[in-house]
Amino acid sequence: MIADATVKLTNVGENTSLEAVTDSNGDYAFRNTKAGRYTISVSRTGFRSFTVTDIVLVARETSRVDAQRGHAAQSLARNAASN
C-alpha cells in the first residue's frame, strides 16, 4: 500500500482528467465519473509509476484495479455513475 500517491484518471475520448491522492491505506475513489474509456496512472516519489490503459467504465458500476509495482502493492478503486 502506498499512502499519499497521486492518482490521475484520464477520459481518453474527452481528454479530461481527474486527480486524487491515496489515503493512509493506499485507497482512493473517483465518484460520479462519466461512462467511457480511461487511463489510470499512479505516481509517488521513490516508487515506480504505474499506468493501466484501456479501462472501460460503464454507468452505475464499481471497478477495481489492484496494482503491484516497485516496492509496495497499491490497491486502486474507482466508481462510475451515470450523469
PDB file of N, CA and C in Angstrom:
ATOM      1  N   MET A   1       0.837  -1.187   0.000  1.00  0.00           N
ATOM      2  CA  MET A   1       0.000   0.000   0.000  1.00  0.00           C
ATOM      3  C   MET A   1       0.880   1.248   0.000  1.00  0.00           C
ATOM      4  N   ILE A   2       0.492   2.196  -0.779  1.00  0.00           N
ATOM      5  CA  ILE A   2       1.253   3.440  -0.868  1.00  0.00           C
ATOM      6  C   ILE A   2       0.332   4.600  -0.508  1.00  0.00           C
ATOM      7  N   ALA A   3       0.623   5.252   0.608  1.00  0.00           N
ATOM      8  CA  ALA A   3      -0.147   6.429   1.009  1.00  0.00           C
ATOM      9  C   ALA A   3       0.391   7.655   0.284  1.00  0.00           C
ATOM     10  N   ASP A   4      -0.451   8.631   0.111  1.00  0.00           N
ATOM     11  CA  ASP A   4      -0.069   9.918  -0.479  1.00  0.00           C
ATOM     12  C   ASP A   4       0.444   9.820  -1.916  1.00  0.00           C
ATOM     13  N   ALA A   5      -0.004   8.807  -2.646  1.00  0.00           N
ATOM     14  CA  ALA A   5       0.342   8.711  -4.066  1.00  0.00           C
ATOM     15  C   ALA A   5      -0.675   9.530  -4.872  1.00  0.00           C
ATOM     16  N   THR A   6      -0.238  10.104  -5.960  1.00  0.00           N
ATOM     17  CA  THR A   6      -1.131  10.855  -6.844  1.00  0.00           C
ATOM     18  C   THR A   6      -1.710   9.901  -7.877  1.00  0.00           C
ATOM     19  N   VAL A   7      -3.026   9.918  -7.993  1.00  0.00           N
ATOM     20  CA  VAL A   7      -3.730   9.061  -8.938  1.00  0.00           C
ATOM     21  C   VAL A   7      -4.406   9.967  -9.959  1.00  0.00           C
ATOM     22  N   LYS A   8      -4.166   9.704 -11.234  1.00  0.00           N
ATOM     23  CA  LYS A   8      -4.746  10.508 -12.304  1.00  0.00           C
ATOM     24  C   LYS A   8      -5.610   9.611 -13.184  1.00  0.00           C
ATOM     25  N   LEU A   9      -6.875   9.986 -13.321  1.00  0.00           N
ATOM     26  CA  LEU A   9      -7.834   9.272 -14.149  1.00  0.00           C
ATOM     27  C   LEU A   9      -8.136  10.135 -15.362  1.00  0.00           C
ATOM     28  N   THR A  10      -7.812   9.633 -16.561  1.00  0.00           N
ATOM     29  CA  THR A  10      -7.984  10.410 -17.780  1.00  0.00           C
ATOM     30  C   THR A  10      -9.028   9.759 -18.677  1.00  0.00           C
ATOM     31  N   ASN A  11     -10.042  10.549 -19.053  1.00  0.00           N
ATOM     32  CA  ASN A  11     -11.039  10.114 -20.028  1.00  0.00           C
ATOM     33  C   ASN A  11     -10.402  10.287 -21.402  1.00  0.00           C
ATOM     34  N   VAL A  12     -10.131   9.192 -22.071  1.00  0.00           N
ATOM     35  CA  VAL A  12      -9.398   9.220 -23.336  1.00  0.00           C
ATOM     36  C   VAL A  12     -10.192   9.941 -24.425  1.00  0.00           C
ATOM     37  N   GLY A  13     -11.486   9.693 -24.510  1.00  0.00           N
ATOM     38  CA  GLY A  13     -12.302  10.297 -25.556  1.00  0.00           C
ATOM     39  C   GLY A  13     -12.445  11.800 -25.436  1.00  0.00           C
ATOM     40  N   GLU A  14     -12.505  12.291 -24.199  1.00  0.00           N
ATOM     41  CA  GLU A  14     -12.693  13.727 -23.968  1.00  0.00           C
ATOM     42  C   GLU A  14     -11.401  14.451 -23.624  1.00  0.00           C
ATOM     43  N   ASN A  15     -10.326  13.696 -23.380  1.00  0.00           N
ATOM     44  CA  ASN A  15      -9.041  14.262 -22.973  1.00  0.00           C
ATOM     45  C   ASN A  15      -9.189  15.150 -21.734  1.00  0.00           C
ATOM     46  N   THR A  16      -9.960  14.658 -20.755  1.00  0.00           N
ATOM     47  CA  THR A  16     -10.121  15.354 -19.478  1.00  0.00           C
ATOM     48  C   THR A  16      -9.607  14.443 -18.370  1.00  0.00           C
ATOM     49  N   SER A  17      -9.120  15.046 -17.286  1.00  0.00           N
ATOM     50  CA  SER A  17      -8.535  14.269 -16.195  1.00  0.00           C
ATOM     51  C   SER A  17      -9.067  14.705 -14.836  1.00  0.00           C
ATOM     52  N   LEU A  18      -9.070  13.754 -13.924  1.00  0.00           N
ATOM     53  CA  LEU A  18      -9.351  13.998 -12.506  1.00  0.00           C
ATOM     54  C   LEU A  18      -8.152  13.485 -11.733  1.00  0.00           C
ATOM     55  N   GLU A  19      -7.857  14.123 -10.587  1.00  0.00           N
ATOM     56  CA  GLU A  19      -6.759  13.656  -9.747  1.00  0.00           C
ATOM     57  C   GLU A  19      -7.250  13.420  -8.333  1.00  0.00           C
ATOM     58  N   ALA A  20      -6.642  12.454  -7.675  1.00  0.00           N
ATOM     59  CA  ALA A  20      -6.925  12.143  -6.278  1.00  0.00           C
ATOM     60  C   ALA A  20      -5.604  11.753  -5.621  1.00  0.00           C
ATOM     61  N   VAL A  21      -5.603  11.725  -4.299  1.00  0.00           N
ATOM     62  CA  VAL A  21      -4.441  11.288  -3.529  1.00  0.00           C
ATOM     63  C   VAL A  21      -4.881  10.112  -2.667  1.00  0.00           C
ATOM     64  N   THR A  22      -4.053   9.063  -2.636  1.00  0.00           N
ATOM     65  CA  THR A  22      -4.410   7.889  -1.850  1.00  0.00           C
ATOM     66  C   THR A  22      -4.384   8.207  -0.361  1.00  0.00           C
ATOM     67  N   ASP A  23      -5.253   7.522   0.387  1.00  0.00           N
ATOM     68  CA  ASP A  23      -5.316   7.727   1.837  1.00  0.00           C
ATOM     69  C   ASP A  23      -4.244   6.886   2.528  1.00  0.00           C
ATOM     70  N   SER A  24      -4.290   6.833   3.840  1.00  0.00           N
ATOM     71  CA  SER A  24      -3.263   6.111   4.605  1.00  0.00           C
ATOM     72  C   SER A  24      -3.269   4.615   4.332  1.00  0.00           C
ATOM     73  N   ASN A  25      -4.370   4.085   3.773  1.00  0.00           N
ATOM     74  CA  ASN A  25      -4.451   2.670   3.401  1.00  0.00           C
ATOM     75  C   ASN A  25      -4.072   2.425   1.948  1.00  0.00           C
ATOM     76  N   GLY A  26      -3.776   3.490   1.206  1.00  0.00           N
ATOM     77  CA  GLY A  26      -3.443   3.357  -0.196  1.00  0.00           C
ATOM     78  C   GLY A  26      -4.656   3.303  -1.104  1.00  0.00           C
ATOM     79  N   ASP A  27      -5.824   3.649  -0.589  1.00  0.00           N
ATOM     80  CA  ASP A  27      -7.061   3.605  -1.365  1.00  0.00           C
ATOM     81  C   ASP A  27      -7.462   4.991  -1.844  1.00  0.00           C
ATOM     82  N   TYR A  28      -8.272   5.009  -2.893  1.00  0.00           N
ATOM     83  CA  TYR A  28      -8.838   6.262  -3.393  1.00  0.00           C
ATOM     84  C   TYR A  28     -10.106   5.911  -4.154  1.00  0.00           C
ATOM     85  N   ALA A  29     -10.897   6.910  -4.461  1.00  0.00           N
ATOM     86  CA  ALA A  29     -12.105   6.688  -5.263  1.00  0.00           C
ATOM     87  C   ALA A  29     -12.378   7.913  -6.115  1.00  0.00           C
ATOM     88  N   PHE A  30     -12.858   7.673  -7.319  1.00  0.00           N
ATOM     89  CA  PHE A  30     -13.400   8.721  -8.170  1.00  0.00           C
ATOM     90  C   PHE A  30     -14.890   8.430  -8.268  1.00  0.00           C
ATOM     91  N   ARG A  31     -15.697   9.339  -7.852  1.00  0.00           N
ATOM     92  CA  ARG A  31     -17.141   9.131  -7.852  1.00  0.00           C
ATOM     93  C   ARG A  31     -17.802   9.938  -8.965  1.00  0.00           C
ATOM     94  N   ASN A  32     -18.911   9.397  -9.453  1.00  0.00           N
ATOM     95  CA  ASN A  32     -19.725  10.076 -10.464  1.00  0.00           C
ATOM     96  C   ASN A  32     -18.949  10.402 -11.730  1.00  0.00           C
ATOM     97  N   THR A  33     -18.073   9.483 -12.124  1.00  0.00           N
ATOM     98  CA  THR A  33     -17.365   9.669 -13.381  1.00  0.00           C
ATOM     99  C   THR A  33     -18.269   9.273 -14.548  1.00  0.00           C
ATOM    100  N   LYS A  34     -18.024   9.850 -15.693  1.00  0.00           N
ATOM    101  CA  LYS A  34     -18.802   9.518 -16.886  1.00  0.00           C
ATOM    102  C   LYS A  34     -18.392   8.142 -17.407  1.00  0.00           C
ATOM    103  N   ALA A  35     -19.339   7.469 -18.016  1.00  0.00           N
ATOM    104  CA  ALA A  35     -19.014   6.221 -18.697  1.00  0.00           C
ATOM    105  C   ALA A  35     -18.060   6.546 -19.844  1.00  0.00           C
ATOM    106  N   GLY A  36     -17.132   5.648 -20.137  1.00  0.00           N
ATOM    107  CA  GLY A  36     -16.200   5.872 -21.228  1.00  0.00           C
ATOM    108  C   GLY A  36     -14.930   5.070 -21.065  1.00  0.00           C
ATOM    109  N   ARG A  37     -13.950   5.363 -21.908  1.00  0.00           N
ATOM    110  CA  ARG A  37     -12.653   4.684 -21.893  1.00  0.00           C
ATOM    111  C   ARG A  37     -11.649   5.572 -21.160  1.00  0.00           C
ATOM    112  N   TYR A  38     -10.882   4.968 -20.245  1.00  0.00           N
ATOM    113  CA  TYR A  38      -9.989   5.724 -19.368  1.00  0.00           C
ATOM    114  C   TYR A  38      -8.593   5.117 -19.307  1.00  0.00           C
ATOM    115  N   THR A  39      -7.669   5.962 -18.866  1.00  0.00           N
ATOM    116  CA  THR A  39      -6.329   5.549 -18.464  1.00  0.00           C
ATOM    117  C   THR A  39      -6.156   5.987 -17.019  1.00  0.00           C
ATOM    118  N   ILE A  40      -5.532   5.150 -16.221  1.00  0.00           N
ATOM    119  CA  ILE A  40      -5.279   5.496 -14.817  1.00  0.00           C
ATOM    120  C   ILE A  40      -3.776   5.420 -14.582  1.00  0.00           C
ATOM    121  N   SER A  41      -3.226   6.411 -13.905  1.00  0.00           N
ATOM    122  CA  SER A  41      -1.795   6.375 -13.575  1.00  0.00           C
ATOM    123  C   SER A  41      -1.609   6.762 -12.116  1.00  0.00           C
ATOM    124  N   VAL A  42      -0.612   6.121 -11.500  1.00  0.00           N
ATOM    125  CA  VAL A  42      -0.310   6.352 -10.085  1.00  0.00           C
ATOM    126  C   VAL A  42       1.171   6.674  -9.977  1.00  0.00           C
ATOM    127  N   SER A  43       1.492   7.708  -9.200  1.00  0.00           N
ATOM    128  CA  SER A  43       2.900   8.065  -9.023  1.00  0.00           C
ATOM    129  C   SER A  43       3.143   8.585  -7.612  1.00  0.00           C
ATOM    130  N   ARG A  44       4.344   8.369  -7.153  1.00  0.00           N
ATOM    131  CA  ARG A  44       4.801   8.916  -5.876  1.00  0.00           C
ATOM    132  C   ARG A  44       6.325   8.875  -5.889  1.00  0.00           C
ATOM    133  N   THR A  45       6.922   9.902  -5.337  1.00  0.00           N
ATOM    134  CA  THR A  45       8.370   9.975  -5.255  1.00  0.00           C
ATOM    135  C   THR A  45       8.909   8.737  -4.538  1.00  0.00           C
ATOM    136  N   GLY A  46       9.932   8.116  -5.109  1.00  0.00           N
ATOM    137  CA  GLY A  46      10.552   6.944  -4.501  1.00  0.00           C
ATOM    138  C   GLY A  46       9.973   5.626  -4.985  1.00  0.00           C
ATOM    139  N   PHE A  47       8.921   5.663  -5.803  1.00  0.00           N
ATOM    140  CA  PHE A  47       8.291   4.463  -6.333  1.00  0.00           C
ATOM    141  C   PHE A  47       8.201   4.565  -7.843  1.00  0.00           C
ATOM    142  N   ARG A  48       8.194   3.428  -8.511  1.00  0.00           N
ATOM    143  CA  ARG A  48       7.965   3.422  -9.951  1.00  0.00           C
ATOM    144  C   ARG A  48       6.522   3.793 -10.222  1.00  0.00           C
ATOM    145  N   SER A  49       6.280   4.518 -11.288  1.00  0.00           N
ATOM    146  CA  SER A  49       4.897   4.872 -11.633  1.00  0.00           C
ATOM    147  C   SER A  49       4.203   3.646 -12.223  1.00  0.00           C
ATOM    148  N   PHE A  50       2.884   3.682 -12.175  1.00  0.00           N
ATOM    149  CA  PHE A  50       2.060   2.572 -12.637  1.00  0.00           C
ATOM    150  C   PHE A  50       0.958   3.133 -13.513  1.00  0.00           C
ATOM    151  N   THR A  51       0.734   2.537 -14.681  1.00  0.00           N
ATOM    152  CA  THR A  51      -0.307   3.001 -15.590  1.00  0.00           C
ATOM    153  C   THR A  51      -1.097   1.813 -16.123  1.00  0.00           C
ATOM    154  N   VAL A  52      -2.408   1.970 -16.171  1.00  0.00           N
ATOM    155  CA  VAL A  52      -3.298   0.993 -16.797  1.00  0.00           C
ATOM    156  C   VAL A  52      -4.056   1.731 -17.890  1.00  0.00           C
ATOM    157  N   THR A  53      -4.049   1.188 -19.099  1.00  0.00           N
ATOM    158  CA  THR A  53      -4.747   1.812 -20.213  1.00  0.00           C
ATOM    159  C   THR A  53      -5.958   0.975 -20.607  1.00  0.00           C
ATOM    160  N   ASP A  54      -6.810   1.574 -21.415  1.00  0.00           N
ATOM    161  CA  ASP A  54      -7.956   0.888 -21.998  1.00  0.00           C
ATOM    162  C   ASP A  54      -8.922   0.344 -20.934  1.00  0.00           C
ATOM    163  N   ILE A  55      -9.183   1.154 -19.911  1.00  0.00           N
ATOM    164  CA  ILE A  55     -10.176   0.804 -18.885  1.00  0.00           C
ATOM    165  C   ILE A  55     -11.523   1.329 -19.366  1.00  0.00           C
ATOM    166  N   VAL A  56     -12.527   0.474 -19.372  1.00  0.00           N
ATOM    167  CA  VAL A  56     -13.857   0.892 -19.798  1.00  0.00           C
ATOM    168  C   VAL A  56     -14.763   0.952 -18.576  1.00  0.00           C
ATOM    169  N   LEU A  57     -15.293   2.144 -18.302  1.00  0.00           N
ATOM    170  CA  LEU A  57     -16.236   2.324 -17.215  1.00  0.00           C
ATOM    171  C   LEU A  57     -17.639   2.424 -17.792  1.00  0.00           C
ATOM    172  N   VAL A  58     -18.575   1.754 -17.133  1.00  0.00           N
ATOM    173  CA  VAL A  58     -19.978   1.843 -17.547  1.00  0.00           C
ATOM    174  C   VAL A  58     -20.780   2.438 -16.403  1.00  0.00           C
ATOM    175  N   ALA A  59     -21.950   2.931 -16.712  1.00  0.00           N
ATOM    176  CA  ALA A  59     -22.793   3.595 -15.716  1.00  0.00           C
ATOM    177  C   ALA A  59     -23.146   2.649 -14.571  1.00  0.00           C
ATOM    178  N   ARG A  60     -23.112   3.211 -13.361  1.00  0.00           N
ATOM    179  CA  ARG A  60     -23.519   2.524 -12.133  1.00  0.00           C
ATOM    180  C   ARG A  60     -22.742   1.243 -11.857  1.00  0.00           C
ATOM    181  N   GLU A  61     -21.485   1.239 -12.188  1.00  0.00           N
ATOM    182  CA  GLU A  61     -20.636   0.084 -11.934  1.00  0.00           C
ATOM    183  C   GLU A  61     -19.436   0.520 -11.101  1.00  0.00           C
ATOM    184  N   THR A  62     -19.061  -0.315 -10.149  1.00  0.00           N
ATOM    185  CA  THR A  62     -17.845  -0.077  -9.378  1.00  0.00           C
ATOM    186  C   THR A  62     -16.762  -0.988  -9.935  1.00  0.00           C
ATOM    187  N   SER A  63     -15.611  -0.417 -10.219  1.00  0.00           N
ATOM    188  CA  SER A  63     -14.492  -1.179 -10.767  1.00  0.00           C
ATOM    189  C   SER A  63     -13.313  -1.087  -9.823  1.00  0.00           C
ATOM    190  N   ARG A  64     -12.420  -2.070  -9.895  1.00  0.00           N
ATOM    191  CA  ARG A  64     -11.252  -2.088  -9.028  1.00  0.00           C
ATOM    192  C   ARG A  64     -10.042  -2.546  -9.836  1.00  0.00           C
ATOM    193  N   VAL A  65      -8.911  -1.883  -9.594  1.00  0.00           N
ATOM    194  CA  VAL A  65      -7.639  -2.280 -10.193  1.00  0.00           C
ATOM    195  C   VAL A  65      -6.653  -2.494  -9.056  1.00  0.00           C
ATOM    196  N   ASP A  66      -6.059  -3.667  -8.982  1.00  0.00           N
ATOM    197  CA  ASP A  66      -5.011  -3.932  -7.997  1.00  0.00           C
ATOM    198  C   ASP A  66      -3.678  -3.891  -8.715  1.00  0.00           C
ATOM    199  N   ALA A  67      -2.814  -3.028  -8.260  1.00  0.00           N
ATOM    200  CA  ALA A  67      -1.532  -2.825  -8.924  1.00  0.00           C
ATOM    201  C   ALA A  67      -0.396  -3.180  -7.983  1.00  0.00           C
ATOM    202  N   GLN A  68       0.645  -3.767  -8.531  1.00  0.00           N
ATOM    203  CA  GLN A  68       1.838  -4.028  -7.737  1.00  0.00           C
ATOM    204  C   GLN A  68       3.042  -3.611  -8.552  1.00  0.00           C
ATOM    205  N   ARG A  69       3.730  -2.601  -8.071  1.00  0.00           N
ATOM    206  CA  ARG A  69       4.920  -2.072  -8.739  1.00  0.00           C
ATOM    207  C   ARG A  69       5.929  -1.659  -7.695  1.00  0.00           C
ATOM    208  N   GLY A  70       7.163  -1.662  -8.086  1.00  0.00           N
ATOM    209  CA  GLY A  70       8.212  -1.167  -7.200  1.00  0.00           C
ATOM    210  C   GLY A  70       8.298  -1.999  -5.937  1.00  0.00           C
ATOM    211  N   HIS A  71       8.279  -1.329  -4.804  1.00  0.00           N
ATOM    212  CA  HIS A  71       8.484  -1.990  -3.523  1.00  0.00           C
ATOM    213  C   HIS A  71       7.214  -2.179  -2.714  1.00  0.00           C
ATOM    214  N   ALA A  72       6.077  -1.860  -3.280  1.00  0.00           N
ATOM    215  CA  ALA A  72       4.846  -1.956  -2.491  1.00  0.00           C
ATOM    216  C   ALA A  72       3.662  -2.279  -3.395  1.00  0.00           C
ATOM    217  N   ALA A  73       2.652  -2.860  -2.803  1.00  0.00           N
ATOM    218  CA  ALA A  73       1.413  -3.131  -3.533  1.00  0.00           C
ATOM    219  C   ALA A  73       0.476  -1.956  -3.335  1.00  0.00           C
ATOM    220  N   GLN A  74      -0.236  -1.590  -4.361  1.00  0.00           N
ATOM    221  CA  GLN A  74      -1.157  -0.459  -4.302  1.00  0.00           C
ATOM    222  C   GLN A  74      -2.535  -0.934  -4.749  1.00  0.00           C
ATOM    223  N   SER A  75      -3.520  -0.724  -3.930  1.00  0.00           N
ATOM    224  CA  SER A  75      -4.876  -1.092  -4.275  1.00  0.00           C
ATOM    225  C   SER A  75      -5.609   0.140  -4.779  1.00  0.00           C
ATOM    226  N   LEU A  76      -6.197   0.050  -5.959  1.00  0.00           N
ATOM    227  CA  LEU A  76      -6.838   1.188  -6.597  1.00  0.00           C
ATOM    228  C   LEU A  76      -8.296   0.852  -6.882  1.00  0.00           C
ATOM    229  N   ALA A  77      -9.192   1.746  -6.541  1.00  0.00           N
ATOM    230  CA  ALA A  77     -10.612   1.529  -6.840  1.00  0.00           C
ATOM    231  C   ALA A  77     -11.168   2.779  -7.476  1.00  0.00           C
ATOM    232  N   ARG A  78     -12.147   2.594  -8.331  1.00  0.00           N
ATOM    233  CA  ARG A  78     -12.790   3.746  -8.920  1.00  0.00           C
ATOM    234  C   ARG A  78     -14.255   3.405  -9.126  1.00  0.00           C
ATOM    235  N   ASN A  79     -15.096   4.411  -9.122  1.00  0.00           N
ATOM    236  CA  ASN A  79     -16.531   4.219  -9.259  1.00  0.00           C
ATOM    237  C   ASN A  79     -17.044   5.030 -10.421  1.00  0.00           C
ATOM    238  N   ALA A  80     -17.998   4.472 -11.139  1.00  0.00           N
ATOM    239  CA  ALA A  80     -18.629   5.187 -12.246  1.00  0.00           C
ATOM    240  C   ALA A  80     -20.126   5.231 -11.990  1.00  0.00           C
ATOM    241  N   ALA A  81     -20.732   6.362 -12.213  1.00  0.00           N
ATOM    242  CA  ALA A  81     -22.177   6.503 -12.087  1.00  0.00           C
ATOM    243  C   ALA A  81     -22.671   7.279 -13.283  1.00  0.00           C
ATOM    244  N   SER A  82     -23.939   7.086 -13.621  1.00  0.00           N
ATOM    245  CA  SER A  82     -24.462   7.801 -14.774  1.00  0.00           C
ATOM    246  C   SER A  82     -24.584   9.272 -14.463  1.00  0.00           C
ATOM    247  N   ASN A  83     -24.481  10.101 -15.484  1.00  0.00           N
ATOM    248  CA  ASN A  83     -24.607  11.557 -15.337  1.00  0.00           C
ATOM    249  C   ASN A  83     -25.853  12.007 -16.011  1.00  0.00           C
TER     250      ASN A  83
END
